[in-house]
PDB file of N, CA and C in Angstrom:
ATOM      1  N   MET A   1      41.522 173.281 124.874  1.00  0.00           N
ATOM      2  CA  MET A   1      40.664 172.956 125.992  1.00  0.00           C
ATOM      3  C   MET A   1      40.312 171.464 125.933  1.00  0.00           C
ATOM      4  N   THR A   2      40.498 170.774 127.019  1.00  0.00           N
ATOM      5  CA  THR A   2      40.206 169.349 127.099  1.00  0.00           C
ATOM      6  C   THR A   2      38.722 169.130 127.358  1.00  0.00           C
ATOM      7  N   SER A   3      38.163 168.151 126.673  1.00  0.00           N
ATOM      8  CA  SER A   3      36.758 167.796 126.854  1.00  0.00           C
ATOM      9  C   SER A   3      36.544 167.246 128.259  1.00  0.00           C
ATOM     10  N   PRO A   4      35.374 167.517 128.865  1.00  0.00           N
ATOM     11  CA  PRO A   4      35.091 166.934 130.187  1.00  0.00           C
ATOM     12  C   PRO A   4      34.941 165.413 130.118  1.00  0.00           C
ATOM     13  N   PHE A   5      34.810 164.855 128.915  1.00  0.00           N
ATOM     14  CA  PHE A   5      34.654 163.413 128.755  1.00  0.00           C
ATOM     15  C   PHE A   5      35.972 162.695 128.480  1.00  0.00           C
ATOM     16  N   ALA A   6      37.048 163.444 128.310  1.00  0.00           N
ATOM     17  CA  ALA A   6      38.353 162.833 128.035  1.00  0.00           C
ATOM     18  C   ALA A   6      38.736 161.908 129.188  1.00  0.00           C
ATOM     19  N   GLY A   7      39.214 160.732 128.854  1.00  0.00           N
ATOM     20  CA  GLY A   7      39.655 159.794 129.871  1.00  0.00           C
ATOM     21  C   GLY A   7      38.551 158.956 130.484  1.00  0.00           C
ATOM     22  N   LEU A   8      37.328 159.081 130.008  1.00  0.00           N
ATOM     23  CA  LEU A   8      36.211 158.322 130.563  1.00  0.00           C
ATOM     24  C   LEU A   8      35.787 157.149 129.679  1.00  0.00           C
ATOM     25  N   SER A   9      36.681 156.714 128.800  1.00  0.00           N
ATOM     26  CA  SER A   9      36.310 155.653 127.856  1.00  0.00           C
ATOM     27  C   SER A   9      35.866 154.377 128.564  1.00  0.00           C
ATOM     28  N   ASP A  10      36.529 153.990 129.657  1.00  0.00           N
ATOM     29  CA  ASP A  10      36.143 152.779 130.375  1.00  0.00           C
ATOM     30  C   ASP A  10      34.780 152.930 131.049  1.00  0.00           C
ATOM     31  N   VAL A  11      34.446 154.135 131.465  1.00  0.00           N
ATOM     32  CA  VAL A  11      33.126 154.381 132.053  1.00  0.00           C
ATOM     33  C   VAL A  11      32.050 154.193 130.994  1.00  0.00           C
ATOM     34  N   PHE A  12      32.263 154.771 129.803  1.00  0.00           N
ATOM     35  CA  PHE A  12      31.277 154.647 128.725  1.00  0.00           C
ATOM     36  C   PHE A  12      31.116 153.196 128.275  1.00  0.00           C
ATOM     37  N   THR A  13      32.232 152.517 128.016  1.00  0.00           N
ATOM     38  CA  THR A  13      32.125 151.139 127.532  1.00  0.00           C
ATOM     39  C   THR A  13      31.607 150.210 128.619  1.00  0.00           C
ATOM     40  N   GLY A  14      31.902 150.504 129.871  1.00  0.00           N
ATOM     41  CA  GLY A  14      31.390 149.686 130.966  1.00  0.00           C
ATOM     42  C   GLY A  14      29.891 149.835 131.146  1.00  0.00           C
ATOM     43  N   ALA A  15      29.391 151.041 130.977  1.00  0.00           N
ATOM     44  CA  ALA A  15      27.959 151.300 131.165  1.00  0.00           C
ATOM     45  C   ALA A  15      27.130 150.980 129.932  1.00  0.00           C
ATOM     46  N   LEU A  16      27.647 151.258 128.755  1.00  0.00           N
ATOM     47  CA  LEU A  16      26.869 151.123 127.520  1.00  0.00           C
ATOM     48  C   LEU A  16      27.323 149.977 126.627  1.00  0.00           C
ATOM     49  N   GLY A  17      28.452 149.387 126.938  1.00  0.00           N
ATOM     50  CA  GLY A  17      29.046 148.395 126.045  1.00  0.00           C
ATOM     51  C   GLY A  17      28.535 146.991 126.266  1.00  0.00           C
ATOM     52  N   GLU A  18      28.951 146.134 125.363  1.00  0.00           N
ATOM     53  CA  GLU A  18      28.676 144.705 125.458  1.00  0.00           C
ATOM     54  C   GLU A  18      29.916 143.963 124.990  1.00  0.00           C
ATOM     55  N   ALA A  19      29.948 142.658 125.260  1.00  0.00           N
ATOM     56  CA  ALA A  19      31.125 141.859 124.923  1.00  0.00           C
ATOM     57  C   ALA A  19      31.286 141.732 123.411  1.00  0.00           C
ATOM     58  N   ILE A  20      32.477 142.039 122.934  1.00  0.00           N
ATOM     59  CA  ILE A  20      32.848 141.900 121.528  1.00  0.00           C
ATOM     60  C   ILE A  20      34.155 141.117 121.503  1.00  0.00           C
ATOM     61  N   THR A  21      34.218 140.103 120.652  1.00  0.00           N
ATOM     62  CA  THR A  21      35.419 139.287 120.537  1.00  0.00           C
ATOM     63  C   THR A  21      36.287 139.815 119.404  1.00  0.00           C
ATOM     64  N   VAL A  22      37.542 140.103 119.718  1.00  0.00           N
ATOM     65  CA  VAL A  22      38.476 140.603 118.707  1.00  0.00           C
ATOM     66  C   VAL A  22      39.624 139.611 118.548  1.00  0.00           C
ATOM     67  N   THR A  23      40.067 139.438 117.297  1.00  0.00           N
ATOM     68  CA  THR A  23      41.178 138.536 116.999  1.00  0.00           C
ATOM     69  C   THR A  23      42.184 139.279 116.128  1.00  0.00           C
ATOM     70  N   PRO A  24      43.112 139.996 116.754  1.00  0.00           N
ATOM     71  CA  PRO A  24      44.133 140.690 115.972  1.00  0.00           C
ATOM     72  C   PRO A  24      45.126 139.702 115.381  1.00  0.00           C
ATOM     73  N   ALA A  25      45.604 139.971 114.181  1.00  0.00           N
ATOM     74  CA  ALA A  25      46.572 139.090 113.531  1.00  0.00           C
ATOM     75  C   ALA A  25      47.844 138.980 114.362  1.00  0.00           C
ATOM     76  N   ALA A  26      48.196 140.043 115.065  1.00  0.00           N
ATOM     77  CA  ALA A  26      49.441 140.075 115.828  1.00  0.00           C
ATOM     78  C   ALA A  26      49.233 139.739 117.303  1.00  0.00           C
ATOM     79  N   GLY A  27      48.093 139.143 117.658  1.00  0.00           N
ATOM     80  CA  GLY A  27      47.842 138.850 119.063  1.00  0.00           C
ATOM     81  C   GLY A  27      46.883 137.691 119.216  1.00  0.00           C
ATOM     82  N   SER A  28      46.361 137.548 120.424  1.00  0.00           N
ATOM     83  CA  SER A  28      45.454 136.436 120.679  1.00  0.00           C
ATOM     84  C   SER A  28      44.014 136.942 120.808  1.00  0.00           C
ATOM     85  N   THR A  29      43.075 136.032 120.603  1.00  0.00           N
ATOM     86  CA  THR A  29      41.653 136.347 120.700  1.00  0.00           C
ATOM     87  C   THR A  29      41.315 136.742 122.130  1.00  0.00           C
ATOM     88  N   ARG A  30      40.500 137.787 122.264  1.00  0.00           N
ATOM     89  CA  ARG A  30      40.085 138.243 123.589  1.00  0.00           C
ATOM     90  C   ARG A  30      38.741 138.953 123.494  1.00  0.00           C
ATOM     91  N   GLU A  31      38.081 139.119 124.630  1.00  0.00           N
ATOM     92  CA  GLU A  31      36.834 139.875 124.691  1.00  0.00           C
ATOM     93  C   GLU A  31      37.108 141.263 125.241  1.00  0.00           C
ATOM     94  N   ILE A  32      36.464 142.240 124.619  1.00  0.00           N
ATOM     95  CA  ILE A  32      36.534 143.615 125.104  1.00  0.00           C
ATOM     96  C   ILE A  32      35.108 144.138 125.233  1.00  0.00           C
ATOM     97  N   ASN A  33      34.937 145.267 125.895  1.00  0.00           N
ATOM     98  CA  ASN A  33      33.647 145.949 125.931  1.00  0.00           C
ATOM     99  C   ASN A  33      33.631 146.978 124.817  1.00  0.00           C
ATOM    100  N   GLY A  34      32.577 146.956 124.010  1.00  0.00           N
ATOM    101  CA  GLY A  34      32.424 147.918 122.931  1.00  0.00           C
ATOM    102  C   GLY A  34      30.978 148.342 122.828  1.00  0.00           C
ATOM    103  N   ILE A  35      30.753 149.474 122.235  1.00  0.00           N
ATOM    104  CA  ILE A  35      29.407 150.015 122.049  1.00  0.00           C
ATOM    105  C   ILE A  35      29.048 149.869 120.575  1.00  0.00           C
ATOM    106  N   PRO A  36      28.201 148.867 120.235  1.00  0.00           N
ATOM    107  CA  PRO A  36      27.817 148.650 118.838  1.00  0.00           C
ATOM    108  C   PRO A  36      27.032 149.835 118.282  1.00  0.00           C
ATOM    109  N   THR A  37      27.257 150.101 117.017  1.00  0.00           N
ATOM    110  CA  THR A  37      26.568 151.197 116.343  1.00  0.00           C
ATOM    111  C   THR A  37      26.635 150.954 114.844  1.00  0.00           C
ATOM    112  N   ASN A  38      26.066 151.841 114.085  1.00  0.00           N
ATOM    113  CA  ASN A  38      26.233 151.860 112.633  1.00  0.00           C
ATOM    114  C   ASN A  38      26.846 153.194 112.274  1.00  0.00           C
ATOM    115  N   ARG A  39      27.731 153.197 111.299  1.00  0.00           N
ATOM    116  CA  ARG A  39      28.364 154.428 110.830  1.00  0.00           C
ATOM    117  C   ARG A  39      27.996 154.639 109.378  1.00  0.00           C
ATOM    118  N   PHE A  40      27.913 155.883 108.994  1.00  0.00           N
ATOM    119  CA  PHE A  40      27.719 156.208 107.587  1.00  0.00           C
ATOM    120  C   PHE A  40      29.093 156.471 107.000  1.00  0.00           C
ATOM    121  N   VAL A  41      29.452 155.705 105.977  1.00  0.00           N
ATOM    122  CA  VAL A  41      30.770 155.828 105.372  1.00  0.00           C
ATOM    123  C   VAL A  41      30.628 156.074 103.882  1.00  0.00           C
ATOM    124  N   ASP A  42      31.595 156.739 103.330  1.00  0.00           N
ATOM    125  CA  ASP A  42      31.632 157.019 101.897  1.00  0.00           C
ATOM    126  C   ASP A  42      32.347 155.869 101.206  1.00  0.00           C
ATOM    127  N   ALA A  43      31.599 155.071 100.470  1.00  0.00           N
ATOM    128  CA  ALA A  43      32.169 153.940  99.738  1.00  0.00           C
ATOM    129  C   ALA A  43      32.229 154.309  98.261  1.00  0.00           C
ATOM    130  N   GLU A  44      33.326 154.917  97.863  1.00  0.00           N
ATOM    131  CA  GLU A  44      33.544 155.316  96.473  1.00  0.00           C
ATOM    132  C   GLU A  44      32.447 156.235  95.961  1.00  0.00           C
ATOM    133  N   GLY A  45      32.160 157.267  96.726  1.00  0.00           N
ATOM    134  CA  GLY A  45      31.183 158.270  96.309  1.00  0.00           C
ATOM    135  C   GLY A  45      29.745 157.970  96.691  1.00  0.00           C
ATOM    136  N   VAL A  46      29.495 156.812  97.296  1.00  0.00           N
ATOM    137  CA  VAL A  46      28.151 156.446  97.731  1.00  0.00           C
ATOM    138  C   VAL A  46      28.181 156.302  99.249  1.00  0.00           C
ATOM    139  N   VAL A  47      27.278 156.977  99.943  1.00  0.00           N
ATOM    140  CA  VAL A  47      27.235 156.890 101.394  1.00  0.00           C
ATOM    141  C   VAL A  47      26.404 155.674 101.784  1.00  0.00           C
ATOM    142  N   VAL A  48      27.013 154.778 102.562  1.00  0.00           N
ATOM    143  CA  VAL A  48      26.349 153.557 102.992  1.00  0.00           C
ATOM    144  C   VAL A  48      26.465 153.430 104.514  1.00  0.00           C
ATOM    145  N   GLN A  49      25.553 152.669 105.088  1.00  0.00           N
ATOM    146  CA  GLN A  49      25.608 152.396 106.512  1.00  0.00           C
ATOM    147  C   GLN A  49      26.441 151.146 106.734  1.00  0.00           C
ATOM    148  N   SER A  50      27.318 151.176 107.714  1.00  0.00           N
ATOM    149  CA  SER A  50      28.221 150.067 107.971  1.00  0.00           C
ATOM    150  C   SER A  50      28.213 149.748 109.461  1.00  0.00           C
ATOM    151  N   PRO A  51      28.261 148.464 109.843  1.00  0.00           N
ATOM    152  CA  PRO A  51      28.348 148.131 111.262  1.00  0.00           C
ATOM    153  C   PRO A  51      29.664 148.645 111.837  1.00  0.00           C
ATOM    154  N   ALA A  52      29.624 149.008 113.111  1.00  0.00           N
ATOM    155  CA  ALA A  52      30.808 149.548 113.774  1.00  0.00           C
ATOM    156  C   ALA A  52      30.646 149.380 115.272  1.00  0.00           C
ATOM    157  N   PHE A  53      31.702 149.696 116.003  1.00  0.00           N
ATOM    158  CA  PHE A  53      31.596 149.785 117.454  1.00  0.00           C
ATOM    159  C   PHE A  53      32.603 150.807 117.943  1.00  0.00           C
ATOM    160  N   HIS A  54      32.335 151.353 119.119  1.00  0.00           N
ATOM    161  CA  HIS A  54      33.243 152.281 119.785  1.00  0.00           C
ATOM    162  C   HIS A  54      33.860 151.551 120.962  1.00  0.00           C
ATOM    163  N   ALA A  55      35.153 151.736 121.154  1.00  0.00           N
ATOM    164  CA  ALA A  55      35.870 151.072 122.239  1.00  0.00           C
ATOM    165  C   ALA A  55      36.943 152.004 122.784  1.00  0.00           C
ATOM    166  N   ALA A  56      37.411 151.667 123.977  1.00  0.00           N
ATOM    167  CA  ALA A  56      38.542 152.397 124.543  1.00  0.00           C
ATOM    168  C   ALA A  56      39.757 152.183 123.644  1.00  0.00           C
ATOM    169  N   ALA A  57      40.499 153.240 123.415  1.00  0.00           N
ATOM    170  CA  ALA A  57      41.647 153.172 122.500  1.00  0.00           C
ATOM    171  C   ALA A  57      42.614 152.063 122.878  1.00  0.00           C
ATOM    172  N   GLY A  58      42.880 151.870 124.151  1.00  0.00           N
ATOM    173  CA  GLY A  58      43.811 150.841 124.589  1.00  0.00           C
ATOM    174  C   GLY A  58      43.343 149.425 124.297  1.00  0.00           C
ATOM    175  N   ASP A  59      42.023 149.237 124.163  1.00  0.00           N
ATOM    176  CA  ASP A  59      41.481 147.905 123.886  1.00  0.00           C
ATOM    177  C   ASP A  59      41.626 147.495 122.425  1.00  0.00           C
ATOM    178  N   VAL A  60      41.807 148.458 121.533  1.00  0.00           N
ATOM    179  CA  VAL A  60      41.847 148.137 120.095  1.00  0.00           C
ATOM    180  C   VAL A  60      43.119 148.631 119.408  1.00  0.00           C
ATOM    181  N   GLU A  61      44.118 149.011 120.187  1.00  0.00           N
ATOM    182  CA  GLU A  61      45.328 149.569 119.586  1.00  0.00           C
ATOM    183  C   GLU A  61      46.050 148.581 118.682  1.00  0.00           C
ATOM    184  N   ASP A  62      45.884 147.264 118.923  1.00  0.00           N
ATOM    185  CA  ASP A  62      46.563 146.274 118.094  1.00  0.00           C
ATOM    186  C   ASP A  62      45.696 145.745 116.951  1.00  0.00           C
ATOM    187  N   LEU A  63      44.463 146.239 116.811  1.00  0.00           N
ATOM    188  CA  LEU A  63      43.610 145.823 115.693  1.00  0.00           C
ATOM    189  C   LEU A  63      44.054 146.535 114.420  1.00  0.00           C
ATOM    190  N   ALA A  64      44.075 145.792 113.335  1.00  0.00           N
ATOM    191  CA  ALA A  64      44.460 146.350 112.039  1.00  0.00           C
ATOM    192  C   ALA A  64      43.407 145.973 111.003  1.00  0.00           C
ATOM    193  N   ASP A  65      43.484 146.593 109.834  1.00  0.00           N
ATOM    194  CA  ASP A  65      42.569 146.265 108.740  1.00  0.00           C
ATOM    195  C   ASP A  65      42.575 144.753 108.498  1.00  0.00           C
ATOM    196  N   ASP A  66      41.388 144.210 108.279  1.00  0.00           N
ATOM    197  CA  ASP A  66      41.157 142.790 107.983  1.00  0.00           C
ATOM    198  C   ASP A  66      41.291 141.859 109.180  1.00  0.00           C
ATOM    199  N   ASP A  67      41.520 142.384 110.393  1.00  0.00           N
ATOM    200  CA  ASP A  67      41.468 141.529 111.577  1.00  0.00           C
ATOM    201  C   ASP A  67      40.017 141.141 111.832  1.00  0.00           C
ATOM    202  N   GLN A  68      39.815 140.031 112.521  1.00  0.00           N
ATOM    203  CA  GLN A  68      38.468 139.509 112.732  1.00  0.00           C
ATOM    204  C   GLN A  68      37.854 140.027 114.030  1.00  0.00           C
ATOM    205  N   VAL A  69      36.537 140.299 113.954  1.00  0.00           N
ATOM    206  CA  VAL A  69      35.744 140.744 115.096  1.00  0.00           C
ATOM    207  C   VAL A  69      34.431 139.973 115.068  1.00  0.00           C
ATOM    208  N   THR A  70      33.981 139.506 116.228  1.00  0.00           N
ATOM    209  CA  THR A  70      32.659 138.897 116.327  1.00  0.00           C
ATOM    210  C   THR A  70      31.820 139.764 117.257  1.00  0.00           C
ATOM    211  N   MET A  71      30.717 140.265 116.719  1.00  0.00           N
ATOM    212  CA  MET A  71      29.841 141.161 117.465  1.00  0.00           C
ATOM    213  C   MET A  71      28.396 140.694 117.270  1.00  0.00           C
ATOM    214  N   ARG A  72      27.719 140.440 118.382  1.00  0.00           N
ATOM    215  CA  ARG A  72      26.327 139.987 118.337  1.00  0.00           C
ATOM    216  C   ARG A  72      26.163 138.728 117.486  1.00  0.00           C
ATOM    217  N   GLY A  73      27.166 137.831 117.557  1.00  0.00           N
ATOM    218  CA  GLY A  73      27.097 136.555 116.865  1.00  0.00           C
ATOM    219  C   GLY A  73      27.424 136.596 115.388  1.00  0.00           C
ATOM    220  N   VAL A  74      27.837 137.746 114.872  1.00  0.00           N
ATOM    221  CA  VAL A  74      28.163 137.891 113.450  1.00  0.00           C
ATOM    222  C   VAL A  74      29.662 138.163 113.321  1.00  0.00           C
ATOM    223  N   ASP A  75      30.304 137.481 112.363  1.00  0.00           N
ATOM    224  CA  ASP A  75      31.733 137.692 112.111  1.00  0.00           C
ATOM    225  C   ASP A  75      31.935 138.850 111.132  1.00  0.00           C
ATOM    226  N   TYR A  76      32.897 139.711 111.466  1.00  0.00           N
ATOM    227  CA  TYR A  76      33.225 140.877 110.653  1.00  0.00           C
ATOM    228  C   TYR A  76      34.730 140.954 110.459  1.00  0.00           C
ATOM    229  N   LEU A  77      35.126 141.797 109.516  1.00  0.00           N
ATOM    230  CA  LEU A  77      36.518 142.174 109.342  1.00  0.00           C
ATOM    231  C   LEU A  77      36.637 143.674 109.587  1.00  0.00           C
ATOM    232  N   VAL A  78      37.744 144.092 110.165  1.00  0.00           N
ATOM    233  CA  VAL A  78      37.974 145.517 110.411  1.00  0.00           C
ATOM    234  C   VAL A  78      38.229 146.205 109.079  1.00  0.00           C
ATOM    235  N   ARG A  79      37.456 147.262 108.803  1.00  0.00           N
ATOM    236  CA  ARG A  79      37.682 148.085 107.602  1.00  0.00           C
ATOM    237  C   ARG A  79      38.695 149.169 107.914  1.00  0.00           C
ATOM    238  N   TYR A  80      38.432 149.906 108.982  1.00  0.00           N
ATOM    239  CA  TYR A  80      39.372 150.934 109.429  1.00  0.00           C
ATOM    240  C   TYR A  80      38.988 151.399 110.826  1.00  0.00           C
ATOM    241  N   LYS A  81      39.905 152.126 111.462  1.00  0.00           N
ATOM    242  CA  LYS A  81      39.671 152.689 112.796  1.00  0.00           C
ATOM    243  C   LYS A  81      39.818 154.202 112.716  1.00  0.00           C
ATOM    244  N   ARG A  82      39.059 154.878 113.568  1.00  0.00           N
ATOM    245  CA  ARG A  82      39.177 156.338 113.627  1.00  0.00           C
ATOM    246  C   ARG A  82      39.107 156.770 115.092  1.00  0.00           C
ATOM    247  N   ALA A  83      40.194 157.342 115.590  1.00  0.00           N
ATOM    248  CA  ALA A  83      40.251 157.818 116.976  1.00  0.00           C
ATOM    249  C   ALA A  83      39.543 159.158 117.097  1.00  0.00           C
ATOM    250  N   ASP A  84      38.926 159.393 118.271  1.00  0.00           N
ATOM    251  CA  ASP A  84      38.241 160.663 118.480  1.00  0.00           C
ATOM    252  C   ASP A  84      39.097 161.677 119.234  1.00  0.00           C
ATOM    253  N   GLY A  85      40.306 161.275 119.642  1.00  0.00           N
ATOM    254  CA  GLY A  85      41.187 162.183 120.364  1.00  0.00           C
ATOM    255  C   GLY A  85      40.839 162.332 121.833  1.00  0.00           C
ATOM    256  N   GLN A  86      39.835 161.601 122.298  1.00  0.00           N
ATOM    257  CA  GLN A  86      39.402 161.681 123.694  1.00  0.00           C
ATOM    258  C   GLN A  86      39.479 160.317 124.383  1.00  0.00           C
ATOM    259  N   GLY A  87      40.182 159.364 123.756  1.00  0.00           N
ATOM    260  CA  GLY A  87      40.351 158.055 124.368  1.00  0.00           C
ATOM    261  C   GLY A  87      39.452 156.963 123.813  1.00  0.00           C
ATOM    262  N   MET A  88      38.602 157.303 122.837  1.00  0.00           N
ATOM    263  CA  MET A  88      37.727 156.319 122.209  1.00  0.00           C
ATOM    264  C   MET A  88      38.107 156.166 120.736  1.00  0.00           C
ATOM    265  N   VAL A  89      37.811 154.980 120.185  1.00  0.00           N
ATOM    266  CA  VAL A  89      38.084 154.699 118.785  1.00  0.00           C
ATOM    267  C   VAL A  89      36.832 154.084 118.166  1.00  0.00           C
ATOM    268  N   ALA A  90      36.439 154.577 116.995  1.00  0.00           N
ATOM    269  CA  ALA A  90      35.376 153.955 116.226  1.00  0.00           C
ATOM    270  C   ALA A  90      36.035 152.934 115.315  1.00  0.00           C
ATOM    271  N   VAL A  91      35.547 151.693 115.377  1.00  0.00           N
ATOM    272  CA  VAL A  91      36.065 150.618 114.530  1.00  0.00           C
ATOM    273  C   VAL A  91      34.957 150.274 113.533  1.00  0.00           C
ATOM    274  N   VAL A  92      35.185 150.585 112.274  1.00  0.00           N
ATOM    275  CA  VAL A  92      34.200 150.339 111.212  1.00  0.00           C
ATOM    276  C   VAL A  92      34.477 148.950 110.640  1.00  0.00           C
ATOM    277  N   LEU A  93      33.389 148.192 110.444  1.00  0.00           N
ATOM    278  CA  LEU A  93      33.498 146.783 110.072  1.00  0.00           C
ATOM    279  C   LEU A  93      32.864 146.499 108.722  1.00  0.00           C
ATOM    280  N   ALA A  94      33.219 145.337 108.165  1.00  0.00           N
ATOM    281  CA  ALA A  94      32.587 144.798 106.966  1.00  0.00           C
ATOM    282  C   ALA A  94      32.309 143.329 107.244  1.00  0.00           C
ATOM    283  N   GLU A  95      31.189 142.809 106.739  1.00  0.00           N
ATOM    284  CA  GLU A  95      30.881 141.404 106.983  1.00  0.00           C
ATOM    285  C   GLU A  95      31.967 140.521 106.385  1.00  0.00           C
ATOM    286  N   ALA A  96      32.329 139.495 107.135  1.00  0.00           N
ATOM    287  CA  ALA A  96      33.402 138.581 106.715  1.00  0.00           C
ATOM    288  C   ALA A  96      32.916 137.670 105.597  1.00  0.00           C
TER     289      ALA A  96
END
């Protein structure tokens, strides 16, 4: 069964998102709409809070680990991405 929210990633990021600058190693710097958040991640057996953002899958498909992101004036590196299967991707960050 498909979620009623599938395919609405641009609606969510357009309404709730803000400008985030991404610099993929394999591409050029650009601005996308993303929804800033914090994620709880397991860092070697310890759960820590980490900065993150949610974006439309198509906007971050070329981002890889260690690519640069600037969000709210702070520079970060991509730690990893996790797709939700509904067109959105959570991008977990680490301070650069």
